[in-house]
Protein backbone atom coordinates (compact mmCIF):
# COMPACT_ATOMS: atom_id res chain seq x y z
CA MET A 1 -29.03 -15.93 4.57
CA ARG A 2 -29.86 -13.17 1.38
CA PRO A 3 -28.14 -10.46 1.14
CA ILE A 4 -29.10 -6.38 0.64
CA LEU A 5 -27.83 -4.99 -2.45
CA LEU A 6 -26.81 -1.53 -1.97
CA GLN A 7 -26.14 0.53 -5.78
CA GLY A 8 -25.19 3.47 -5.00
CA HIS A 9 -21.74 3.71 -6.55
CA GLU A 10 -20.52 3.17 -10.15
CA ARG A 11 -17.13 2.59 -9.01
CA SER A 12 -15.40 0.03 -7.09
CA LEU A 13 -15.56 0.56 -3.04
CA THR A 14 -12.90 1.26 -1.31
CA GLN A 15 -14.20 1.81 2.52
CA ILE A 16 -17.51 1.16 4.48
CA LYS A 17 -18.29 2.30 7.96
CA TYR A 18 -20.98 1.54 10.42
CA ASN A 19 -22.07 4.50 12.89
CA ARG A 20 -21.59 3.65 16.70
CA GLU A 21 -25.41 2.08 16.86
CA GLY A 22 -24.81 0.57 13.68
CA ASP A 23 -28.18 1.94 12.36
CA LEU A 24 -26.48 3.89 9.35
CA LEU A 25 -23.57 2.45 6.99
CA PHE A 26 -21.16 5.00 5.70
CA SER A 27 -19.96 3.87 1.87
CA VAL A 28 -17.28 6.17 -0.08
CA SER A 29 -15.84 4.70 -3.62
CA LYS A 30 -13.35 5.75 -6.54
CA ASP A 31 -16.69 7.93 -7.93
CA HIS A 32 -15.91 10.74 -5.56
CA VAL A 33 -19.58 10.01 -3.89
CA VAL A 34 -20.06 9.44 -0.34
CA ASN A 35 -23.46 7.42 0.02
CA ALA A 36 -25.07 7.04 3.93
CA TRP A 37 -27.25 4.06 4.33
CA TYR A 38 -30.21 2.81 6.27
CA SER A 39 -28.20 -0.38 7.58
CA HIS A 40 -31.50 -2.69 8.45
CA ASN A 41 -32.85 -2.18 4.89
CA GLY A 42 -30.62 -0.63 2.64
CA GLU A 43 -32.56 2.43 2.09
CA ARG A 44 -30.23 5.55 1.14
CA LEU A 45 -30.34 8.18 3.36
CA GLY A 46 -28.49 10.53 0.99
CA THR A 47 -25.16 11.57 -0.12
CA TYR A 48 -22.24 13.83 0.41
CA ASP A 49 -21.13 15.92 -2.63
CA GLY A 50 -17.94 18.13 -2.83
CA HIS A 51 -15.04 15.61 -3.60
CA VAL A 52 -13.34 15.48 -6.99
CA GLY A 53 -11.44 12.44 -6.72
CA ALA A 54 -11.68 9.04 -6.01
CA VAL A 55 -12.70 8.92 -2.01
CA TRP A 56 -10.16 6.74 -0.16
CA THR A 57 -11.47 6.75 3.29
CA VAL A 58 -14.22 7.27 5.67
CA ASP A 59 -15.56 7.55 9.39
CA VAL A 60 -18.20 8.96 11.56
CA ASN A 61 -18.04 10.36 15.30
CA SER A 62 -19.51 8.52 18.11
CA SER A 63 -22.59 10.56 18.23
CA SER A 64 -23.31 10.49 14.28
CA THR A 65 -23.12 14.25 14.06
CA LEU A 66 -19.96 14.52 12.35
CA LEU A 67 -18.49 12.44 9.25
CA ILE A 68 -14.74 13.08 7.79
CA SER A 69 -13.65 11.65 4.00
CA GLY A 70 -10.57 11.53 2.68
CA SER A 71 -9.95 11.93 -0.98
CA ALA A 72 -7.14 11.61 -4.13
CA ASP A 73 -7.92 15.25 -4.71
CA ASN A 74 -5.74 16.03 -1.97
CA THR A 75 -8.01 17.14 0.46
CA ALA A 76 -10.17 16.00 3.24
CA LYS A 77 -14.12 16.91 4.29
CA LEU A 78 -16.00 18.05 7.31
CA TRP A 79 -19.58 16.86 7.01
CA ASP A 80 -22.78 17.67 8.99
CA VAL A 81 -24.08 13.96 9.03
CA SER A 82 -28.01 15.23 9.30
CA ASN A 83 -28.18 17.51 6.30
CA GLY A 84 -24.59 16.49 4.00
CA LYS A 85 -23.84 20.47 4.85
CA CYS A 86 -19.87 20.82 4.37
CA LEU A 87 -18.39 22.62 7.48
CA LYS A 88 -14.70 22.42 6.34
CA SER A 89 -12.51 21.50 3.75
CA TRP A 90 -8.76 20.73 4.43
CA GLU A 91 -6.18 20.94 1.50
CA PHE A 92 -2.52 19.02 1.20
CA ASN A 93 -0.14 18.32 -1.18
CA THR A 94 -1.43 14.94 -1.97
CA ALA A 95 -3.91 12.21 -1.91
CA VAL A 96 -5.27 11.56 2.01
CA ARG A 97 -5.11 7.73 2.57
CA ARG A 98 -6.81 7.14 6.23
CA VAL A 99 -9.24 9.65 8.08
CA ALA A 100 -10.07 8.59 11.74
CA PHE A 101 -12.17 10.53 14.68
CA SER A 102 -10.37 9.95 18.09
CA GLU A 103 -12.33 7.89 20.65
CA ASP A 104 -13.52 11.51 22.40
CA SER A 105 -14.56 12.28 19.15
CA LYS A 106 -12.62 15.30 19.66
CA SER A 107 -9.70 14.99 17.03
CA VAL A 108 -9.52 13.51 13.70
CA MET A 109 -5.97 12.30 12.68
CA LEU A 110 -5.29 12.14 9.16
CA ILE A 111 -2.91 10.55 6.72
CA THR A 112 -1.62 12.08 3.52
CA GLU A 113 0.92 9.91 1.06
CA PRO A 114 4.42 10.23 0.00
CA ARG A 115 4.03 11.61 -3.99
CA MET A 116 5.63 13.91 -6.56
CA GLY A 117 8.37 15.24 -3.76
CA PHE A 118 6.32 15.86 -0.84
CA SER A 119 7.05 13.43 1.57
CA ALA A 120 3.61 11.51 4.34
CA THR A 121 1.99 13.35 7.16
CA LEU A 122 0.39 12.38 9.88
CA GLN A 123 -1.92 15.28 10.82
CA ILE A 124 -4.20 15.64 14.08
CA PHE A 125 -6.92 18.57 13.79
CA ASP A 126 -8.87 19.79 16.46
CA VAL A 127 -13.17 19.40 15.97
CA GLN A 128 -14.74 19.45 19.22
CA ASN A 129 -16.65 22.61 18.14
CA GLY A 130 -18.18 20.40 15.33
CA VAL A 131 -21.79 21.64 14.10
CA GLU A 132 -21.83 24.36 16.47
CA GLY A 133 -18.54 26.64 15.98
CA PRO A 134 -15.42 27.12 13.89
CA ILE A 135 -13.54 24.21 13.54
CA ALA A 136 -9.12 24.40 13.47
CA SER A 137 -7.68 25.31 10.11
CA GLU A 138 -4.50 24.18 11.21
CA PRO A 139 -3.05 20.78 12.49
CA THR A 140 -2.47 20.20 16.30
CA VAL A 141 0.19 17.75 15.14
CA ILE A 142 1.35 17.66 11.99
CA PHE A 143 4.36 14.68 12.08
CA HIS A 144 6.29 13.39 8.73
CA PRO A 145 6.84 9.97 9.69
CA GLU A 146 10.32 8.66 8.31
CA GLY A 147 10.73 4.91 7.25
CA PRO A 148 7.75 2.77 5.01
CA LYS A 149 4.94 4.15 3.90
CA ILE A 150 1.73 4.51 6.37
CA THR A 151 -1.42 2.35 4.81
CA VAL A 152 -3.86 2.21 7.34
CA ALA A 153 -3.95 3.37 10.58
CA GLU A 154 -6.79 3.83 14.12
CA TRP A 155 -7.09 5.47 17.53
CA GLY A 156 -5.99 3.13 20.34
CA PRO A 157 -7.35 2.60 23.61
CA LEU A 158 -8.24 6.42 25.10
CA ASP A 159 -6.69 7.83 22.43
CA LYS A 160 -3.07 6.99 23.95
CA TYR A 161 -1.60 5.90 21.13
CA ILE A 162 -2.33 6.04 16.98
CA VAL A 163 -1.71 1.84 15.81
CA ALA A 164 -0.59 2.37 12.17
CA GLY A 165 0.31 -0.42 9.64
CA CYS A 166 3.07 0.21 6.87
CA GLU A 167 3.38 -0.99 3.45
CA ASN A 168 6.34 -3.29 4.42
CA GLY A 169 4.29 -5.07 6.77
CA SER A 170 5.51 -3.65 10.15
CA VAL A 171 2.87 -2.41 12.72
CA ALA A 172 3.66 0.48 14.81
CA LEU A 173 2.13 2.71 17.70
CA ILE A 174 2.68 6.19 17.42
CA ASP A 175 2.38 9.38 20.47
CA PRO A 176 0.05 11.91 18.87
CA LYS A 177 1.24 14.44 21.22
CA THR A 178 4.68 14.26 19.75
CA GLY A 179 3.77 12.37 16.56
CA GLU A 180 7.20 9.82 18.21
CA PHE A 181 7.27 6.07 16.99
CA VAL A 182 6.87 4.31 20.87
CA SER A 183 7.39 0.94 19.21
CA ARG A 184 7.46 -1.04 15.76
CA ASN A 185 6.90 -4.56 15.05
CA LYS A 186 7.20 -6.78 12.02
CA VAL A 187 4.20 -8.98 11.20
CA HIS A 188 3.54 -9.07 7.41
CA GLU A 189 5.44 -9.69 4.27
CA ALA A 190 3.89 -7.40 2.40
CA THR A 191 1.55 -4.32 2.47
CA ILE A 192 -1.07 -4.05 5.20
CA THR A 193 -4.21 -3.22 3.70
CA ASP A 194 -6.42 -2.84 6.92
CA LEU A 195 -6.52 -2.25 9.98
CA GLN A 196 -9.31 -2.64 12.61
CA MET A 197 -9.98 -2.49 16.17
CA SER A 198 -11.64 -4.75 18.80
CA THR A 199 -14.37 -3.42 20.81
CA ASP A 200 -12.43 -2.62 23.85
CA LYS A 201 -9.16 -1.46 21.66
CA THR A 202 -7.13 -3.60 23.53
CA TYR A 203 -5.97 -6.05 20.24
CA PHE A 204 -6.52 -5.35 16.55
CA ILE A 205 -6.75 -7.13 13.26
CA THR A 206 -4.52 -6.85 10.29
CA SER A 207 -4.98 -7.80 6.76
CA SER A 208 -1.96 -8.16 4.22
CA LYS A 209 -1.54 -8.78 0.64
CA ASP A 210 0.73 -11.68 1.82
CA LYS A 211 -2.52 -13.75 1.93
CA SER A 212 -2.62 -13.59 6.18
CA ALA A 213 -4.53 -12.03 8.78
CA LYS A 214 -3.19 -11.62 12.01
CA ILE A 215 -4.45 -10.63 15.33
CA LEU A 216 -2.33 -8.43 17.54
CA GLU A 217 -2.35 -7.30 20.93
CA THR A 218 -2.26 -2.90 21.20
CA SER A 219 0.16 -2.69 24.08
CA THR A 220 2.63 -5.17 22.91
CA LEU A 221 1.98 -5.50 19.41
CA GLU A 222 2.60 -9.20 20.08
CA VAL A 223 0.78 -11.23 17.26
CA LEU A 224 -1.33 -13.45 19.18
CA LYS A 225 -3.32 -15.38 16.11
CA THR A 226 -2.56 -16.00 12.74
CA TYR A 227 -5.21 -16.57 9.90
CA VAL A 228 -3.20 -18.09 6.58
CA THR A 229 -5.86 -17.98 3.23
CA ASP A 230 -4.84 -18.91 -0.49
CA THR A 231 -5.28 -15.17 -1.92
CA PRO A 232 -4.00 -11.70 -1.42
CA LEU A 233 -6.17 -9.93 1.58
CA ASN A 234 -7.92 -6.67 1.63
CA SER A 235 -9.80 -6.12 4.57
CA ALA A 236 -10.55 -7.97 7.88
CA SER A 237 -12.86 -7.01 11.04
CA ILE A 238 -13.59 -8.59 14.04
CA MET A 239 -17.18 -9.64 15.45
CA PRO A 240 -18.06 -8.61 18.60
CA LYS A 241 -19.96 -10.14 21.29
CA ILE A 242 -22.53 -13.37 20.55
CA GLN A 243 -19.83 -15.56 18.22
CA GLU A 244 -15.97 -15.70 18.06
CA PHE A 245 -15.21 -15.05 14.79
CA VAL A 246 -13.49 -12.83 12.76
CA VAL A 247 -14.46 -12.27 8.77
CA ILE A 248 -11.47 -11.36 6.50
CA GLY A 249 -11.46 -10.95 2.59
CA GLY A 250 -9.90 -9.98 -0.59
CA GLY A 251 -9.39 -11.78 -4.13
CA GLN A 252 -7.24 -11.92 -7.06
CA GLU A 253 -7.17 -8.62 -9.05
CA ALA A 254 -8.69 -9.46 -12.45
CA MET A 255 -5.44 -9.07 -14.64
CA ASP A 256 -3.48 -12.04 -12.06
CA VAL A 257 -6.84 -14.29 -12.34
CA THR A 258 -6.11 -14.84 -16.53
CA ARG A 259 -1.98 -14.96 -15.31
CA THR A 260 -2.95 -18.28 -13.28
CA SER A 261 -4.74 -21.92 -13.30
CA SER A 262 -7.44 -20.95 -10.97
CA ARG A 263 -10.97 -20.50 -12.75
CA GLN A 264 -11.86 -18.06 -9.97
CA GLY A 265 -10.44 -14.93 -8.14
CA LYS A 266 -12.03 -16.41 -4.50
CA PHE A 267 -13.84 -13.41 -4.51
CA GLU A 268 -15.54 -14.32 -0.78
CA CYS A 269 -15.90 -13.32 2.48
CA ARG A 270 -14.18 -15.76 4.99
CA PHE A 271 -15.09 -16.87 8.70
CA TRP A 272 -12.42 -18.02 10.88
CA HIS A 273 -12.90 -18.71 14.35
CA LYS A 274 -11.27 -16.11 16.39
CA VAL A 275 -9.49 -18.40 18.44
CA LEU A 276 -9.03 -21.88 17.20
CA GLU A 277 -7.95 -20.47 14.02
CA GLU A 278 -10.00 -22.58 11.93
CA GLU A 279 -11.83 -21.27 8.58
CA VAL A 280 -15.42 -22.25 9.39
CA GLY A 281 -17.52 -20.75 6.34
CA ARG A 282 -17.58 -18.43 3.24
CA VAL A 283 -19.89 -15.76 1.98
CA ARG A 284 -19.65 -15.49 -2.23
CA GLY A 285 -21.52 -13.05 -4.00
CA HIS A 286 -19.08 -10.18 -5.09
CA PHE A 287 -17.78 -10.11 -8.95
CA GLY A 288 -14.18 -8.84 -8.05
CA PRO A 289 -11.95 -8.44 -4.92
CA ILE A 290 -13.57 -7.95 -1.81
CA ASN A 291 -12.06 -4.28 -0.67
CA THR A 292 -13.30 -3.62 2.25
CA ILE A 293 -15.46 -5.53 5.35
CA ALA A 294 -17.14 -4.32 8.41
CA ILE A 295 -18.94 -5.58 10.96
CA HIS A 296 -22.13 -4.18 13.01
CA PRO A 297 -21.65 -3.23 16.39
CA ASP A 298 -24.18 -5.76 17.62
CA GLY A 299 -22.54 -8.70 15.54
CA ARG A 300 -25.95 -9.59 14.22
CA SER A 301 -25.12 -8.49 10.39
CA PHE A 302 -21.83 -7.65 8.45
CA ALA A 303 -21.75 -5.70 4.88
CA SER A 304 -18.76 -6.28 2.03
CA GLY A 305 -17.71 -3.65 -0.21
CA GLY A 306 -16.30 -5.04 -3.63
CA GLU A 307 -14.47 -3.94 -6.92
CA ASP A 308 -17.70 -4.63 -8.43
CA GLY A 309 -19.15 -1.19 -7.16
CA TYR A 310 -21.79 -3.50 -4.66
CA VAL A 311 -21.86 -2.91 -0.85
CA ARG A 312 -23.43 -6.06 0.10
CA VAL A 313 -25.34 -6.10 3.87
CA HIS A 314 -25.94 -9.64 5.23
CA HIS A 315 -28.22 -10.01 8.21
CA PHE A 316 -27.32 -13.42 9.83
CA ASP A 317 -30.21 -15.83 10.59
CA ASP A 318 -30.91 -17.00 13.79
CA ASP A 319 -29.51 -20.27 13.92
CA PHE A 320 -25.98 -18.71 13.51
CA PHE A 321 -26.08 -17.40 16.81
CA SER A 322 -26.93 -20.72 18.51
CA PHE A 323 -24.11 -22.53 16.30
CA LYS A 324 -21.52 -24.49 18.59
CA PHE A 325 -17.81 -25.19 16.59
CA GLN A 326 -16.87 -28.51 17.15
CA ILE A 327 -13.27 -29.24 18.08
């Protein structure tokens, strides 16, 4: 499984995202650049230039016409995917840590972090006019969540809830119309670093600095499966169709490697059987912690982005799809 190495960033990757069809891959990093790639061959389609700080997060709408990015420069920007034009730039008091399009692509959710006396916010903007008309300057909902800081979030099924992961290891359901917390459950012992939904959004996976990943049911926030590793995790993704696997990744920070007896930082993408909770394989390659993982919508390839500034795209061999896990 020879990877395609995408060299378009000068600093560590923060998030990568496939579009719905999987023909495009978007990547962001701490070098201010947003890149678009063809996923089948790794050719760079273009860049979206405009941020002046680390770009923390990115998402693309269901029709692949609009892209949104959030940055440490205290802005979120809405882009025309086809030509790289910035359609709208929203300014905030603090950095934008997470962005996500709603399932119907009519709204975007933005989460800002608490800093320098400013509280965290969860804001929702109307973008249904997209490239065809003016875009809202003011949010339709603005909410100042109390309690632990929200680190990751995604829209739930049919946009009924926002599913959020927090700094204290808890997950929560938030009503996007009122900003009220519907329910909470503390499932990790440390910060939740990633949260990705299943294809039908009835369940989701989280990764945490407590060295574990968990699958939870969306409606009840009940823990269904747990995958325990020996290294802090930064990302986790659920494989759709074909094979019943999840892919998780992370690794010790460089300064922590020097303080332990371990000879390596364990910078691998790890495959676990989703149901049986057994590790089935690892893919090495990054020269530093893996910060973000995304799986192609058809399950035939996956991509990882690391602290080393590279995106690695792996297309699975044919025998991967005939592989049977022996109980």
